N, C-alpha and C. Protein backbone atom coordinates (compact mmCIF):
# COMPACT_ATOMS: atom_id res chain seq x y z
N MET A 1 13.93 -26.69 -3.54
CA MET A 1 15.07 -26.36 -4.37
C MET A 1 15.87 -25.26 -3.70
N GLU A 2 17.16 -25.46 -3.57
CA GLU A 2 18.03 -24.46 -2.97
C GLU A 2 18.46 -23.44 -4.02
N CYS A 3 18.48 -22.18 -3.61
CA CYS A 3 18.97 -21.15 -4.52
C CYS A 3 19.59 -20.04 -3.69
N LYS A 4 20.52 -19.32 -4.31
CA LYS A 4 21.18 -18.21 -3.63
C LYS A 4 20.29 -16.97 -3.73
N PRO A 5 19.94 -16.37 -2.61
CA PRO A 5 19.05 -15.21 -2.65
C PRO A 5 19.78 -13.88 -2.85
N ASN A 6 21.04 -13.91 -3.29
CA ASN A 6 21.81 -12.68 -3.45
C ASN A 6 21.11 -11.69 -4.36
N TYR A 7 20.94 -10.48 -3.87
CA TYR A 7 20.38 -9.35 -4.60
C TYR A 7 18.89 -9.47 -4.94
N THR A 8 18.22 -10.51 -4.50
CA THR A 8 16.81 -10.65 -4.85
C THR A 8 15.93 -9.58 -4.20
N SER A 9 16.37 -9.05 -3.07
CA SER A 9 15.56 -8.00 -2.44
C SER A 9 15.95 -6.61 -2.91
N GLN A 10 17.03 -6.48 -3.64
CA GLN A 10 17.48 -5.16 -4.11
C GLN A 10 17.05 -4.85 -5.54
N LEU A 11 16.92 -5.87 -6.37
CA LEU A 11 16.65 -5.69 -7.79
C LEU A 11 15.15 -5.60 -8.05
N LEU A 12 14.74 -4.56 -8.75
CA LEU A 12 13.34 -4.40 -9.10
C LEU A 12 12.95 -5.50 -10.09
N SER A 13 11.96 -6.28 -9.74
CA SER A 13 11.66 -7.51 -10.47
C SER A 13 11.19 -7.31 -11.91
N TYR A 14 10.55 -6.21 -12.21
CA TYR A 14 10.01 -6.04 -13.56
C TYR A 14 10.88 -5.16 -14.46
N ARG A 15 11.96 -4.59 -13.91
CA ARG A 15 12.80 -3.71 -14.70
C ARG A 15 14.28 -4.07 -14.63
N ASP A 16 14.65 -5.04 -13.78
CA ASP A 16 16.05 -5.41 -13.57
C ASP A 16 16.93 -4.20 -13.29
N GLU A 17 16.50 -3.42 -12.30
CA GLU A 17 17.20 -2.20 -11.90
C GLU A 17 17.33 -2.23 -10.38
N ILE A 18 18.50 -1.88 -9.86
CA ILE A 18 18.71 -1.85 -8.41
C ILE A 18 18.03 -0.60 -7.85
N VAL A 19 17.05 -0.79 -6.96
CA VAL A 19 16.37 0.35 -6.34
C VAL A 19 16.38 0.27 -4.82
N PHE A 20 16.40 -0.92 -4.28
CA PHE A 20 16.35 -1.09 -2.83
C PHE A 20 17.77 -1.19 -2.28
N THR A 21 18.50 -0.08 -2.26
CA THR A 21 19.88 -0.10 -1.80
C THR A 21 19.99 0.10 -0.29
N ASN A 22 19.02 0.75 0.31
CA ASN A 22 19.01 0.99 1.74
C ASN A 22 18.11 -0.06 2.39
N CYS A 23 18.64 -0.78 3.38
CA CYS A 23 17.88 -1.86 4.02
C CYS A 23 16.63 -1.36 4.74
N SER A 24 16.61 -0.11 5.13
CA SER A 24 15.43 0.42 5.83
C SER A 24 14.32 0.82 4.84
N LEU A 25 14.61 0.86 3.57
CA LEU A 25 13.62 1.19 2.56
C LEU A 25 12.73 -0.03 2.33
N ARG A 26 11.45 0.06 2.71
CA ARG A 26 10.54 -1.08 2.61
C ARG A 26 9.63 -1.02 1.39
N GLU A 27 9.43 0.17 0.85
CA GLU A 27 8.56 0.35 -0.32
C GLU A 27 9.24 1.28 -1.32
N TYR A 28 8.88 1.09 -2.57
CA TYR A 28 9.41 1.92 -3.66
C TYR A 28 8.22 2.36 -4.50
N PHE A 29 8.19 3.63 -4.85
CA PHE A 29 7.13 4.12 -5.71
C PHE A 29 7.72 4.42 -7.08
N ASP A 30 7.21 3.75 -8.10
CA ASP A 30 7.66 3.93 -9.48
C ASP A 30 6.84 5.07 -10.09
N GLU A 31 7.47 6.20 -10.30
CA GLU A 31 6.79 7.38 -10.84
C GLU A 31 6.29 7.13 -12.26
N GLU A 32 7.09 6.44 -13.05
CA GLU A 32 6.75 6.21 -14.45
C GLU A 32 5.49 5.37 -14.61
N LEU A 33 5.39 4.28 -13.85
CA LEU A 33 4.24 3.38 -13.97
C LEU A 33 3.19 3.59 -12.89
N GLN A 34 3.45 4.52 -11.97
CA GLN A 34 2.54 4.82 -10.87
C GLN A 34 2.24 3.56 -10.05
N LEU A 35 3.31 2.82 -9.69
CA LEU A 35 3.19 1.59 -8.90
C LEU A 35 3.90 1.73 -7.57
N LYS A 36 3.30 1.16 -6.54
CA LYS A 36 3.93 1.09 -5.24
C LYS A 36 4.40 -0.35 -5.06
N ILE A 37 5.70 -0.54 -4.86
CA ILE A 37 6.31 -1.87 -4.80
C ILE A 37 6.78 -2.15 -3.38
N ASP A 38 6.35 -3.28 -2.83
CA ASP A 38 6.79 -3.73 -1.51
C ASP A 38 8.07 -4.55 -1.67
N ARG A 39 9.07 -4.27 -0.82
CA ARG A 39 10.38 -4.94 -0.93
C ARG A 39 10.27 -6.46 -0.77
N ASP A 40 9.47 -6.94 0.17
CA ASP A 40 9.36 -8.38 0.43
C ASP A 40 8.65 -9.11 -0.71
N ILE A 41 7.62 -8.51 -1.26
CA ILE A 41 6.92 -9.13 -2.39
C ILE A 41 7.82 -9.14 -3.62
N ASN A 42 8.54 -8.04 -3.83
CA ASN A 42 9.49 -7.96 -4.93
C ASN A 42 10.55 -9.05 -4.81
N ALA A 43 11.07 -9.27 -3.59
CA ALA A 43 12.07 -10.31 -3.37
C ALA A 43 11.50 -11.70 -3.64
N ALA A 44 10.25 -11.93 -3.26
CA ALA A 44 9.61 -13.22 -3.50
C ALA A 44 9.48 -13.49 -5.01
N ILE A 45 9.13 -12.47 -5.76
CA ILE A 45 9.04 -12.61 -7.22
C ILE A 45 10.41 -12.94 -7.79
N ASN A 46 11.43 -12.25 -7.30
CA ASN A 46 12.79 -12.50 -7.78
C ASN A 46 13.28 -13.90 -7.40
N LEU A 47 12.91 -14.39 -6.21
CA LEU A 47 13.29 -15.75 -5.83
C LEU A 47 12.67 -16.77 -6.77
N LYS A 48 11.44 -16.52 -7.19
CA LYS A 48 10.81 -17.40 -8.17
C LYS A 48 11.57 -17.35 -9.49
N ARG A 49 12.01 -16.16 -9.89
CA ARG A 49 12.80 -16.02 -11.11
C ARG A 49 14.12 -16.78 -11.00
N VAL A 50 14.73 -16.80 -9.80
CA VAL A 50 15.96 -17.57 -9.59
C VAL A 50 15.67 -19.05 -9.83
N GLY A 51 14.58 -19.54 -9.26
CA GLY A 51 14.20 -20.94 -9.41
C GLY A 51 13.89 -21.32 -10.84
N LEU A 52 13.36 -20.38 -11.61
CA LEU A 52 13.05 -20.63 -13.02
C LEU A 52 14.23 -20.33 -13.94
N ASP A 53 15.36 -19.95 -13.35
CA ASP A 53 16.59 -19.61 -14.08
C ASP A 53 16.38 -18.41 -15.00
N LEU A 54 15.60 -17.43 -14.52
CA LEU A 54 15.34 -16.20 -15.28
C LEU A 54 15.93 -14.96 -14.62
N PHE A 55 16.61 -15.15 -13.49
CA PHE A 55 17.19 -14.02 -12.77
C PHE A 55 18.52 -13.65 -13.41
N PRO A 56 18.80 -12.36 -13.57
CA PRO A 56 20.05 -11.95 -14.23
C PRO A 56 21.29 -12.29 -13.41
N THR A 57 22.40 -12.43 -14.10
CA THR A 57 23.68 -12.62 -13.44
C THR A 57 24.14 -11.26 -12.94
N ILE A 58 24.50 -11.20 -11.66
CA ILE A 58 24.89 -9.92 -11.07
C ILE A 58 26.29 -10.05 -10.49
N ASN A 59 27.14 -9.09 -10.81
CA ASN A 59 28.51 -9.06 -10.28
C ASN A 59 28.69 -7.79 -9.47
N ARG A 60 29.57 -7.87 -8.47
CA ARG A 60 29.90 -6.70 -7.66
C ARG A 60 31.34 -6.31 -7.99
N ARG A 61 31.51 -5.08 -8.47
CA ARG A 61 32.84 -4.58 -8.82
C ARG A 61 33.05 -3.24 -8.17
N LYS A 62 34.09 -3.14 -7.36
CA LYS A 62 34.45 -1.89 -6.70
C LYS A 62 33.25 -1.25 -6.01
N ASN A 63 32.53 -2.05 -5.22
CA ASN A 63 31.35 -1.62 -4.47
C ASN A 63 30.20 -1.16 -5.35
N LYS A 64 30.21 -1.52 -6.62
CA LYS A 64 29.09 -1.23 -7.52
C LYS A 64 28.51 -2.55 -8.00
N VAL A 65 27.20 -2.61 -8.05
CA VAL A 65 26.53 -3.80 -8.54
C VAL A 65 26.35 -3.65 -10.04
N VAL A 66 26.79 -4.67 -10.78
CA VAL A 66 26.71 -4.64 -12.24
C VAL A 66 25.86 -5.81 -12.71
N ILE A 67 24.81 -5.51 -13.47
CA ILE A 67 23.98 -6.56 -14.05
C ILE A 67 24.68 -7.01 -15.33
N ALA A 68 25.22 -8.23 -15.29
CA ALA A 68 26.06 -8.70 -16.38
C ALA A 68 25.27 -9.38 -17.48
N LEU A 69 24.23 -10.11 -17.13
CA LEU A 69 23.51 -10.89 -18.13
C LEU A 69 22.07 -11.05 -17.69
N VAL A 70 21.15 -10.78 -18.58
CA VAL A 70 19.74 -11.03 -18.33
C VAL A 70 19.33 -12.14 -19.28
N LYS A 71 18.84 -13.23 -18.73
CA LYS A 71 18.45 -14.37 -19.55
C LYS A 71 17.12 -14.11 -20.22
N ASN A 72 16.94 -14.71 -21.38
CA ASN A 72 15.69 -14.54 -22.12
C ASN A 72 14.55 -15.22 -21.42
N CYS A 73 13.39 -14.65 -21.53
CA CYS A 73 12.18 -15.24 -20.97
C CYS A 73 11.40 -15.89 -22.10
N PHE A 74 11.21 -17.18 -21.99
CA PHE A 74 10.45 -17.90 -23.00
C PHE A 74 9.07 -18.22 -22.43
N CYS A 75 8.05 -17.99 -23.20
CA CYS A 75 6.68 -18.28 -22.78
C CYS A 75 6.22 -19.55 -23.49
N PHE A 76 5.62 -20.43 -22.74
CA PHE A 76 5.15 -21.67 -23.31
C PHE A 76 3.63 -21.70 -23.27
N ALA A 77 3.02 -22.04 -24.36
CA ALA A 77 1.56 -22.15 -24.42
C ALA A 77 1.15 -23.52 -23.93
N ARG A 78 0.11 -23.56 -23.13
CA ARG A 78 -0.42 -24.85 -22.64
C ARG A 78 -1.71 -25.15 -23.36
N LYS A 79 -1.87 -26.40 -23.71
CA LYS A 79 -3.12 -26.83 -24.34
C LYS A 79 -4.05 -27.35 -23.27
N PHE A 80 -5.32 -27.00 -23.39
CA PHE A 80 -6.30 -27.46 -22.42
C PHE A 80 -7.24 -28.43 -23.07
């Protein structure tokens, strides 16, 4: 499945917040949750969200990235 990878490596996957603004920044440490986040793994998670149509709509206005819409996440129960 083809998808546009725009901003998938910049947006923090679990908070929908832009943190990886510098391309040389490879890891991010979340002080609040005490988590160390790898940029490549974060981007892979976001690419999966794009494929599942759960990635937010992002617009660029006057060199600022604006998160315009975050789609709802629906969880489906599976019967075994």
